[in-house]
Amino acid sequence: MQKLRLTMNETCHFLSVQRDKLNKMVKDDASFPRPIKEGTSRQAAVYFDRVEIEGWWEEKKQARYS
């Protein structure tokens, strides 16, 4: 069974990018899935939805042929 949510580090590993690149993607790419913050404090964990990340990647691949 695959995880539904990925931590920042897991998402970096999943996409093969460094943390600063992931943060840049979140900030600059409007189509990139928004992180989900678990809580209101500054230190609250941040997760990404695995299915949304996979969907975003598939859209990027399809855009190459458009």
N, C-alpha and C. Protein backbone atom coordinates (compact mmCIF):
# COMPACT_ATOMS: atom_id res chain seq x y z
N MET A 1 0.84 -1.19 0.00
CA MET A 1 0.00 0.00 0.00
C MET A 1 0.88 1.24 0.00
N GLN A 2 0.54 2.19 -0.87
CA GLN A 2 1.31 3.42 -0.96
C GLN A 2 0.73 4.46 -0.01
N LYS A 3 1.61 5.35 0.43
CA LYS A 3 1.19 6.44 1.30
C LYS A 3 0.30 7.42 0.54
N LEU A 4 -0.66 7.99 1.24
CA LEU A 4 -1.51 9.02 0.64
C LEU A 4 -0.83 10.38 0.68
N ARG A 5 -0.07 10.62 1.73
CA ARG A 5 0.59 11.91 1.88
C ARG A 5 2.09 11.71 2.02
N LEU A 6 2.82 12.66 1.49
CA LEU A 6 4.27 12.62 1.51
C LEU A 6 4.81 13.82 2.28
N THR A 7 5.84 13.59 3.07
CA THR A 7 6.50 14.69 3.76
C THR A 7 7.31 15.48 2.73
N MET A 8 7.85 16.60 3.15
CA MET A 8 8.70 17.40 2.26
C MET A 8 9.87 16.55 1.75
N ASN A 9 10.54 15.84 2.66
CA ASN A 9 11.69 15.04 2.26
C ASN A 9 11.28 13.91 1.32
N GLU A 10 10.17 13.26 1.60
CA GLU A 10 9.68 12.19 0.72
C GLU A 10 9.32 12.74 -0.66
N THR A 11 8.72 13.92 -0.68
CA THR A 11 8.36 14.54 -1.96
C THR A 11 9.61 14.89 -2.75
N CYS A 12 10.62 15.41 -2.08
CA CYS A 12 11.90 15.71 -2.75
C CYS A 12 12.48 14.44 -3.35
N HIS A 13 12.48 13.38 -2.57
CA HIS A 13 13.01 12.11 -3.06
C HIS A 13 12.18 11.58 -4.22
N PHE A 14 10.87 11.67 -4.10
CA PHE A 14 9.93 11.20 -5.11
C PHE A 14 10.16 11.90 -6.44
N LEU A 15 10.42 13.22 -6.39
CA LEU A 15 10.63 14.02 -7.60
C LEU A 15 12.10 14.17 -7.99
N SER A 16 12.98 13.65 -7.16
CA SER A 16 14.43 13.75 -7.39
C SER A 16 14.88 15.21 -7.48
N VAL A 17 14.44 16.01 -6.52
CA VAL A 17 14.85 17.41 -6.46
C VAL A 17 15.31 17.73 -5.03
N GLN A 18 16.07 18.81 -4.91
CA GLN A 18 16.48 19.29 -3.60
C GLN A 18 15.34 20.09 -2.97
N ARG A 19 15.42 20.30 -1.68
CA ARG A 19 14.37 21.01 -0.95
C ARG A 19 14.16 22.43 -1.46
N ASP A 20 15.24 23.14 -1.78
CA ASP A 20 15.08 24.51 -2.28
C ASP A 20 14.38 24.53 -3.63
N LYS A 21 14.63 23.52 -4.46
CA LYS A 21 13.94 23.43 -5.76
C LYS A 21 12.45 23.14 -5.55
N LEU A 22 12.12 22.28 -4.60
CA LEU A 22 10.71 22.00 -4.30
C LEU A 22 10.01 23.27 -3.82
N ASN A 23 10.65 24.02 -2.94
CA ASN A 23 10.06 25.27 -2.47
C ASN A 23 9.86 26.26 -3.62
N LYS A 24 10.80 26.31 -4.56
CA LYS A 24 10.68 27.18 -5.73
C LYS A 24 9.51 26.73 -6.60
N MET A 25 9.34 25.44 -6.77
CA MET A 25 8.23 24.91 -7.56
C MET A 25 6.89 25.30 -6.93
N VAL A 26 6.80 25.17 -5.62
CA VAL A 26 5.56 25.53 -4.91
C VAL A 26 5.27 27.02 -5.10
N LYS A 27 6.32 27.83 -5.01
CA LYS A 27 6.15 29.29 -5.10
C LYS A 27 5.86 29.77 -6.51
N ASP A 28 6.58 29.22 -7.50
CA ASP A 28 6.55 29.78 -8.85
C ASP A 28 5.64 29.06 -9.84
N ASP A 29 5.30 27.82 -9.59
CA ASP A 29 4.50 27.04 -10.54
C ASP A 29 3.07 26.93 -10.02
N ALA A 30 2.16 27.68 -10.61
CA ALA A 30 0.77 27.69 -10.15
C ALA A 30 0.09 26.35 -10.33
N SER A 31 0.60 25.51 -11.23
CA SER A 31 -0.02 24.20 -11.44
C SER A 31 0.48 23.15 -10.46
N PHE A 32 1.53 23.47 -9.72
CA PHE A 32 2.08 22.50 -8.77
C PHE A 32 1.14 22.37 -7.57
N PRO A 33 0.89 21.14 -7.10
CA PRO A 33 -0.03 20.94 -5.97
C PRO A 33 0.40 21.71 -4.72
N ARG A 34 -0.57 22.32 -4.08
CA ARG A 34 -0.31 23.08 -2.86
C ARG A 34 -0.05 22.13 -1.70
N PRO A 35 0.90 22.49 -0.84
CA PRO A 35 1.15 21.66 0.34
C PRO A 35 -0.02 21.75 1.33
N ILE A 36 -0.15 20.72 2.12
CA ILE A 36 -1.19 20.64 3.15
C ILE A 36 -0.49 20.77 4.49
N LYS A 37 -0.83 21.81 5.23
CA LYS A 37 -0.20 22.03 6.54
C LYS A 37 -1.09 21.42 7.61
N GLU A 38 -0.49 20.61 8.45
CA GLU A 38 -1.24 19.93 9.50
C GLU A 38 -1.10 20.72 10.81
N GLY A 39 -1.97 21.70 10.96
CA GLY A 39 -1.93 22.54 12.14
C GLY A 39 -1.73 23.99 11.77
N THR A 40 -1.77 24.85 12.77
CA THR A 40 -1.66 26.28 12.52
C THR A 40 -0.33 26.87 12.96
N SER A 41 0.44 26.12 13.73
CA SER A 41 1.71 26.67 14.21
C SER A 41 2.74 26.69 13.09
N ARG A 42 3.73 27.51 13.26
CA ARG A 42 4.79 27.63 12.27
C ARG A 42 5.55 26.32 12.08
N GLN A 43 5.63 25.52 13.13
CA GLN A 43 6.37 24.26 13.09
C GLN A 43 5.51 23.07 12.66
N ALA A 44 4.26 23.32 12.32
CA ALA A 44 3.37 22.22 11.93
C ALA A 44 3.91 21.51 10.69
N ALA A 45 3.72 20.21 10.66
CA ALA A 45 4.20 19.40 9.54
C ALA A 45 3.48 19.79 8.25
N VAL A 46 4.21 19.69 7.14
CA VAL A 46 3.67 19.99 5.82
C VAL A 46 3.74 18.71 4.99
N TYR A 47 2.64 18.42 4.31
CA TYR A 47 2.57 17.22 3.49
C TYR A 47 2.10 17.57 2.09
N PHE A 48 2.37 16.67 1.15
CA PHE A 48 1.85 16.76 -0.20
C PHE A 48 1.04 15.51 -0.48
N ASP A 49 -0.02 15.67 -1.24
CA ASP A 49 -0.85 14.54 -1.63
C ASP A 49 -0.16 13.80 -2.78
N ARG A 50 0.11 12.53 -2.58
CA ARG A 50 0.84 11.74 -3.57
C ARG A 50 0.12 11.70 -4.92
N VAL A 51 -1.20 11.53 -4.90
CA VAL A 51 -1.99 11.45 -6.13
C VAL A 51 -1.92 12.77 -6.90
N GLU A 52 -1.97 13.90 -6.20
CA GLU A 52 -1.86 15.20 -6.85
C GLU A 52 -0.48 15.38 -7.49
N ILE A 53 0.55 14.94 -6.80
CA ILE A 53 1.92 15.05 -7.34
C ILE A 53 2.04 14.20 -8.60
N GLU A 54 1.52 12.98 -8.55
CA GLU A 54 1.58 12.12 -9.73
C GLU A 54 0.78 12.72 -10.88
N GLY A 55 -0.38 13.29 -10.60
CA GLY A 55 -1.19 13.93 -11.63
C GLY A 55 -0.50 15.12 -12.25
N TRP A 56 0.16 15.92 -11.42
CA TRP A 56 0.91 17.08 -11.91
C TRP A 56 2.02 16.61 -12.85
N TRP A 57 2.72 15.55 -12.48
CA TRP A 57 3.81 15.04 -13.30
C TRP A 57 3.29 14.53 -14.64
N GLU A 58 2.16 13.84 -14.62
CA GLU A 58 1.57 13.34 -15.86
C GLU A 58 1.18 14.51 -16.78
N GLU A 59 0.63 15.58 -16.21
CA GLU A 59 0.27 16.76 -17.00
C GLU A 59 1.52 17.38 -17.63
N LYS A 60 2.60 17.43 -16.89
CA LYS A 60 3.86 17.98 -17.40
C LYS A 60 4.36 17.14 -18.57
N LYS A 61 4.26 15.84 -18.44
CA LYS A 61 4.70 14.96 -19.52
C LYS A 61 3.83 15.14 -20.76
N GLN A 62 2.53 15.24 -20.56
CA GLN A 62 1.61 15.41 -21.69
C GLN A 62 1.82 16.75 -22.39
N ALA A 63 2.19 17.77 -21.63
CA ALA A 63 2.39 19.11 -22.19
C ALA A 63 3.55 19.15 -23.18
N ARG A 64 4.46 18.20 -23.09
CA ARG A 64 5.59 18.14 -24.01
C ARG A 64 5.12 17.90 -25.44
N TYR A 65 3.99 17.24 -25.58
CA TYR A 65 3.52 16.84 -26.90
C TYR A 65 2.43 17.77 -27.44
N SER A 66 2.10 18.78 -26.70
CA SER A 66 1.05 19.71 -27.13
C SER A 66 1.60 20.85 -27.95
